[in-house]
N, C-alpha and C. Protein backbone atom coordinates (compact mmCIF):
# COMPACT_ATOMS: atom_id res chain seq x y z
N MET A 1 141.41 218.41 72.52
CA MET A 1 140.35 217.72 73.25
C MET A 1 139.94 218.57 74.45
N THR A 2 138.69 218.53 74.79
CA THR A 2 138.14 219.30 75.89
C THR A 2 138.38 218.57 77.21
N ARG A 3 138.72 219.35 78.25
CA ARG A 3 138.88 218.78 79.59
C ARG A 3 137.55 218.79 80.32
N LEU A 4 137.39 217.90 81.27
CA LEU A 4 136.18 217.86 82.08
C LEU A 4 135.94 219.20 82.76
N LEU A 5 137.00 219.84 83.24
CA LEU A 5 136.88 221.14 83.90
C LEU A 5 136.27 222.20 82.98
N ASP A 6 136.52 222.10 81.67
CA ASP A 6 135.97 223.06 80.72
C ASP A 6 134.47 222.89 80.53
N LEU A 7 133.95 221.73 80.86
CA LEU A 7 132.54 221.42 80.64
C LEU A 7 131.69 221.53 81.90
N CYS A 8 132.35 221.64 83.05
CA CYS A 8 131.62 221.65 84.33
C CYS A 8 131.83 222.95 85.09
N SER A 9 130.76 223.44 85.68
CA SER A 9 130.86 224.60 86.55
C SER A 9 131.26 224.19 87.96
N LEU A 10 131.06 222.92 88.29
CA LEU A 10 131.44 222.41 89.60
C LEU A 10 131.87 220.95 89.48
N ILE A 11 133.03 220.66 90.03
CA ILE A 11 133.50 219.28 90.18
C ILE A 11 133.93 219.18 91.64
N ARG A 12 133.31 218.27 92.38
CA ARG A 12 133.67 218.15 93.79
C ARG A 12 133.57 216.71 94.26
N SER A 13 134.27 216.45 95.33
CA SER A 13 134.18 215.17 96.01
C SER A 13 133.91 215.45 97.48
N LYS A 14 133.26 214.50 98.13
CA LYS A 14 132.96 214.65 99.55
C LYS A 14 132.50 213.31 100.10
N ASN A 15 132.46 213.24 101.41
CA ASN A 15 131.92 212.05 102.04
C ASN A 15 130.41 212.04 101.92
N ALA A 16 129.87 210.86 101.79
CA ALA A 16 128.43 210.65 101.90
C ALA A 16 128.26 209.66 103.06
N GLY A 17 128.62 210.13 104.23
CA GLY A 17 128.68 209.29 105.41
C GLY A 17 130.11 208.78 105.58
N PRO A 18 130.38 208.07 106.66
CA PRO A 18 131.76 207.64 106.96
C PRO A 18 132.29 206.52 106.07
N PHE A 19 131.43 205.91 105.27
CA PHE A 19 131.85 204.75 104.49
C PHE A 19 131.75 204.94 102.98
N THR A 20 131.27 206.09 102.53
CA THR A 20 131.03 206.30 101.10
C THR A 20 131.64 207.62 100.65
N LEU A 21 132.25 207.59 99.48
CA LEU A 21 132.80 208.78 98.83
C LEU A 21 131.91 209.10 97.65
N THR A 22 131.60 210.37 97.43
CA THR A 22 130.74 210.75 96.31
C THR A 22 131.35 211.92 95.55
N PHE A 23 131.10 211.94 94.26
CA PHE A 23 131.60 212.98 93.36
C PHE A 23 130.40 213.61 92.66
N ASP A 24 130.45 214.93 92.49
CA ASP A 24 129.41 215.64 91.75
C ASP A 24 130.06 216.37 90.58
N PHE A 25 129.44 216.25 89.42
CA PHE A 25 129.89 216.91 88.20
C PHE A 25 128.70 217.68 87.65
N MET A 26 128.70 218.99 87.84
CA MET A 26 127.60 219.83 87.37
C MET A 26 128.05 220.56 86.12
N CYS A 27 127.41 220.25 85.03
CA CYS A 27 127.83 220.77 83.73
C CYS A 27 127.37 222.21 83.51
N ASN A 28 128.10 222.89 82.66
CA ASN A 28 127.82 224.30 82.36
C ASN A 28 126.47 224.51 81.69
N ASP A 29 126.09 223.61 80.82
CA ASP A 29 124.87 223.77 80.03
C ASP A 29 124.50 222.42 79.42
N ARG A 30 123.41 222.39 78.69
CA ARG A 30 122.92 221.14 78.09
C ARG A 30 123.93 220.53 77.13
N ASP A 31 124.58 221.35 76.30
CA ASP A 31 125.56 220.82 75.35
C ASP A 31 126.73 220.17 76.07
N SER A 32 127.19 220.80 77.14
CA SER A 32 128.30 220.24 77.93
C SER A 32 127.89 218.92 78.55
N TYR A 33 126.70 218.89 79.14
CA TYR A 33 126.20 217.66 79.75
C TYR A 33 126.07 216.54 78.71
N ASP A 34 125.51 216.88 77.57
CA ASP A 34 125.34 215.88 76.52
C ASP A 34 126.70 215.33 76.07
N GLN A 35 127.71 216.18 76.01
CA GLN A 35 129.04 215.73 75.61
C GLN A 35 129.63 214.78 76.66
N VAL A 36 129.52 215.15 77.93
CA VAL A 36 130.04 214.30 79.01
C VAL A 36 129.31 212.96 79.01
N ARG A 37 128.02 213.00 78.90
CA ARG A 37 127.24 211.76 78.94
C ARG A 37 127.55 210.87 77.74
N ALA A 38 127.58 211.46 76.54
CA ALA A 38 127.83 210.68 75.32
C ALA A 38 129.24 210.08 75.31
N ALA A 39 130.20 210.80 75.86
CA ALA A 39 131.58 210.30 75.87
C ALA A 39 131.74 209.09 76.79
N GLY A 40 130.92 209.02 77.83
CA GLY A 40 130.99 207.87 78.73
C GLY A 40 132.25 207.80 79.56
N VAL A 41 132.94 208.92 79.73
CA VAL A 41 134.21 208.89 80.46
C VAL A 41 134.04 208.72 81.96
N LEU A 42 132.90 209.12 82.50
CA LEU A 42 132.63 208.94 83.93
C LEU A 42 131.95 207.59 84.11
N ASN A 43 132.79 206.57 84.19
CA ASN A 43 132.28 205.20 84.24
C ASN A 43 132.93 204.46 85.40
N PRO A 44 132.36 203.34 85.83
CA PRO A 44 132.90 202.60 86.97
C PRO A 44 134.37 202.22 86.84
N GLN A 45 134.81 201.87 85.64
CA GLN A 45 136.20 201.45 85.48
C GLN A 45 137.17 202.59 85.75
N LEU A 46 136.81 203.81 85.36
CA LEU A 46 137.67 204.97 85.64
C LEU A 46 137.90 205.11 87.14
N PHE A 47 136.85 205.01 87.93
CA PHE A 47 136.97 205.18 89.37
C PHE A 47 137.66 203.98 90.02
N ALA A 48 137.51 202.83 89.42
CA ALA A 48 138.26 201.65 89.89
C ALA A 48 139.76 201.86 89.66
N ASP A 49 140.11 202.36 88.50
CA ASP A 49 141.51 202.58 88.17
C ASP A 49 142.14 203.69 89.02
N LEU A 50 141.42 204.79 89.19
CA LEU A 50 141.98 205.94 89.92
C LEU A 50 141.97 205.76 91.43
N TYR A 51 140.96 205.10 91.96
CA TYR A 51 140.77 205.08 93.42
C TYR A 51 140.78 203.69 94.02
N GLY A 52 141.03 202.68 93.20
CA GLY A 52 141.09 201.31 93.73
C GLY A 52 139.73 200.78 94.15
N ALA A 53 138.67 201.36 93.61
CA ALA A 53 137.31 200.92 93.95
C ALA A 53 136.97 199.66 93.15
N ASP A 54 136.06 198.89 93.70
CA ASP A 54 135.53 197.74 92.97
C ASP A 54 134.54 198.30 91.94
N PRO A 55 134.78 198.08 90.64
CA PRO A 55 133.88 198.66 89.63
C PRO A 55 132.43 198.22 89.79
N ASP A 56 132.21 197.05 90.38
CA ASP A 56 130.84 196.57 90.60
C ASP A 56 130.12 197.35 91.70
N LYS A 57 130.90 198.12 92.50
CA LYS A 57 130.30 198.89 93.59
C LYS A 57 130.29 200.39 93.31
N VAL A 58 130.69 200.77 92.10
CA VAL A 58 130.67 202.19 91.71
C VAL A 58 129.31 202.48 91.08
N LEU A 59 128.60 203.44 91.67
CA LEU A 59 127.29 203.84 91.17
C LEU A 59 127.43 205.16 90.42
N VAL A 60 127.06 205.17 89.15
CA VAL A 60 127.09 206.37 88.31
C VAL A 60 125.64 206.71 87.98
N VAL A 61 125.23 207.93 88.35
CA VAL A 61 123.85 208.37 88.12
C VAL A 61 123.88 209.64 87.29
N HIS A 62 123.17 209.61 86.16
CA HIS A 62 123.04 210.79 85.30
C HIS A 62 121.72 211.48 85.63
N HIS A 63 121.81 212.75 85.99
CA HIS A 63 120.63 213.55 86.30
C HIS A 63 120.39 214.48 85.12
N ASP A 64 119.58 214.03 84.18
CA ASP A 64 119.36 214.78 82.94
C ASP A 64 118.80 216.19 83.19
N LEU A 65 117.80 216.31 84.04
CA LEU A 65 117.20 217.63 84.27
C LEU A 65 118.17 218.59 84.95
N ALA A 66 119.01 218.08 85.84
CA ALA A 66 119.98 218.93 86.53
C ALA A 66 121.26 219.11 85.72
N GLN A 67 121.40 218.38 84.62
CA GLN A 67 122.61 218.42 83.80
C GLN A 67 123.84 218.12 84.66
N ALA A 68 123.73 217.02 85.43
CA ALA A 68 124.77 216.66 86.38
C ALA A 68 124.94 215.14 86.43
N VAL A 69 126.12 214.74 86.90
CA VAL A 69 126.43 213.33 87.10
C VAL A 69 126.91 213.17 88.53
N LYS A 70 126.42 212.14 89.20
CA LYS A 70 126.88 211.81 90.56
C LYS A 70 127.47 210.42 90.52
N VAL A 71 128.62 210.28 91.17
CA VAL A 71 129.29 208.98 91.24
C VAL A 71 129.57 208.70 92.71
N SER A 72 129.23 207.52 93.18
CA SER A 72 129.47 207.14 94.57
C SER A 72 130.04 205.73 94.64
N PHE A 73 130.88 205.52 95.64
CA PHE A 73 131.44 204.19 95.88
C PHE A 73 131.98 204.12 97.30
N PRO A 74 132.20 202.92 97.83
CA PRO A 74 132.72 202.79 99.19
C PRO A 74 134.11 203.41 99.31
N ARG A 75 134.32 204.12 100.42
CA ARG A 75 135.65 204.68 100.70
C ARG A 75 136.64 203.52 100.88
N PRO A 76 137.92 203.74 100.51
CA PRO A 76 138.91 202.67 100.70
C PRO A 76 139.14 202.35 102.18
N VAL A 77 139.05 203.35 103.04
CA VAL A 77 139.07 203.18 104.50
C VAL A 77 137.99 204.07 105.07
N ARG A 78 137.44 203.70 106.21
CA ARG A 78 136.36 204.52 106.78
C ARG A 78 136.90 205.88 107.21
N GLN A 79 136.02 206.85 107.24
CA GLN A 79 136.39 208.21 107.63
C GLN A 79 136.98 208.20 109.03
N GLY A 80 138.13 208.87 109.17
CA GLY A 80 138.78 208.99 110.47
C GLY A 80 139.71 207.84 110.83
N ASP A 81 139.78 206.82 109.99
CA ASP A 81 140.70 205.71 110.22
C ASP A 81 142.12 206.24 110.24
N VAL A 82 143.00 205.59 110.93
CA VAL A 82 144.39 206.02 111.01
C VAL A 82 145.05 206.13 109.64
N HIS A 83 144.56 205.38 108.66
CA HIS A 83 145.11 205.40 107.30
C HIS A 83 144.35 206.34 106.36
N ASP A 84 143.37 207.06 106.89
CA ASP A 84 142.57 207.99 106.08
C ASP A 84 143.38 209.25 105.82
N ARG A 85 143.67 209.52 104.54
CA ARG A 85 144.48 210.68 104.17
C ARG A 85 143.64 211.90 103.79
N ASP A 86 142.33 211.75 103.75
CA ASP A 86 141.44 212.87 103.41
C ASP A 86 140.14 212.66 104.18
N CYS A 87 140.11 213.13 105.39
CA CYS A 87 139.01 212.87 106.32
C CYS A 87 137.65 213.29 105.76
N TYR A 88 137.59 214.36 105.00
CA TYR A 88 136.32 214.84 104.46
C TYR A 88 136.07 214.41 103.03
N GLY A 89 137.05 213.79 102.40
CA GLY A 89 136.89 213.35 101.02
C GLY A 89 136.91 214.50 100.02
N GLY A 90 137.25 215.69 100.48
CA GLY A 90 137.15 216.89 99.65
C GLY A 90 138.29 217.11 98.67
N GLN A 91 139.32 216.29 98.70
CA GLN A 91 140.45 216.48 97.80
C GLN A 91 140.53 215.41 96.71
N GLN A 92 139.60 214.51 96.69
CA GLN A 92 139.67 213.35 95.80
C GLN A 92 139.35 213.67 94.34
N TYR A 93 138.72 214.80 94.08
CA TYR A 93 138.32 215.15 92.71
C TYR A 93 139.49 215.59 91.83
N ALA A 94 140.61 215.97 92.42
CA ALA A 94 141.71 216.60 91.69
C ALA A 94 142.17 215.82 90.44
N PRO A 95 142.32 214.51 90.46
CA PRO A 95 142.78 213.82 89.24
C PRO A 95 141.79 213.87 88.08
N LEU A 96 140.57 214.30 88.34
CA LEU A 96 139.54 214.28 87.31
C LEU A 96 139.42 215.58 86.52
N ILE A 97 139.96 216.67 87.03
CA ILE A 97 139.70 217.96 86.38
C ILE A 97 140.29 218.04 84.97
N ASP A 98 141.39 217.38 84.74
CA ASP A 98 142.02 217.40 83.42
C ASP A 98 141.64 216.20 82.56
N LEU A 99 140.63 215.45 82.98
CA LEU A 99 140.20 214.27 82.23
C LEU A 99 139.74 214.70 80.84
N PRO A 100 140.31 214.13 79.78
CA PRO A 100 139.87 214.49 78.43
C PRO A 100 138.47 213.94 78.13
N VAL A 101 137.65 214.77 77.54
CA VAL A 101 136.30 214.37 77.16
C VAL A 101 136.17 214.57 75.65
N PRO A 102 136.16 213.49 74.90
CA PRO A 102 136.06 213.64 73.45
C PRO A 102 134.70 214.18 73.03
N ALA A 103 134.70 214.92 71.96
CA ALA A 103 133.45 215.43 71.39
C ALA A 103 132.73 214.30 70.68
N ALA A 104 131.44 214.43 70.60
CA ALA A 104 130.65 213.42 69.90
C ALA A 104 131.00 213.44 68.42
N THR A 105 131.10 212.28 67.84
CA THR A 105 131.36 212.20 66.40
C THR A 105 130.05 212.18 65.66
N ASP A 106 130.00 212.85 64.57
CA ASP A 106 128.77 212.91 63.78
C ASP A 106 128.70 211.79 62.78
């Protein structure tokens, strides 16, 4: 099975302001993007399970022309809070790089 890292030239996480965490998945090419999109692995429930987010507040946006997916949701604690373990949100993508992405079935 193909890993998400094999299909993307860039996988990153970062803050989108002090209250929101965002992830960018930029695919290598159209075939890679189509595989990621068709597999549906980047979905609200995945981010709820991995990050404790409310799945109803996870926004998944597919950018067909850019061959990219953006996912955003409220941070578990605001940026800079005493319990914030990643002030910039830049380390949150790590659990996703080995995410299996099944190929489309014909």
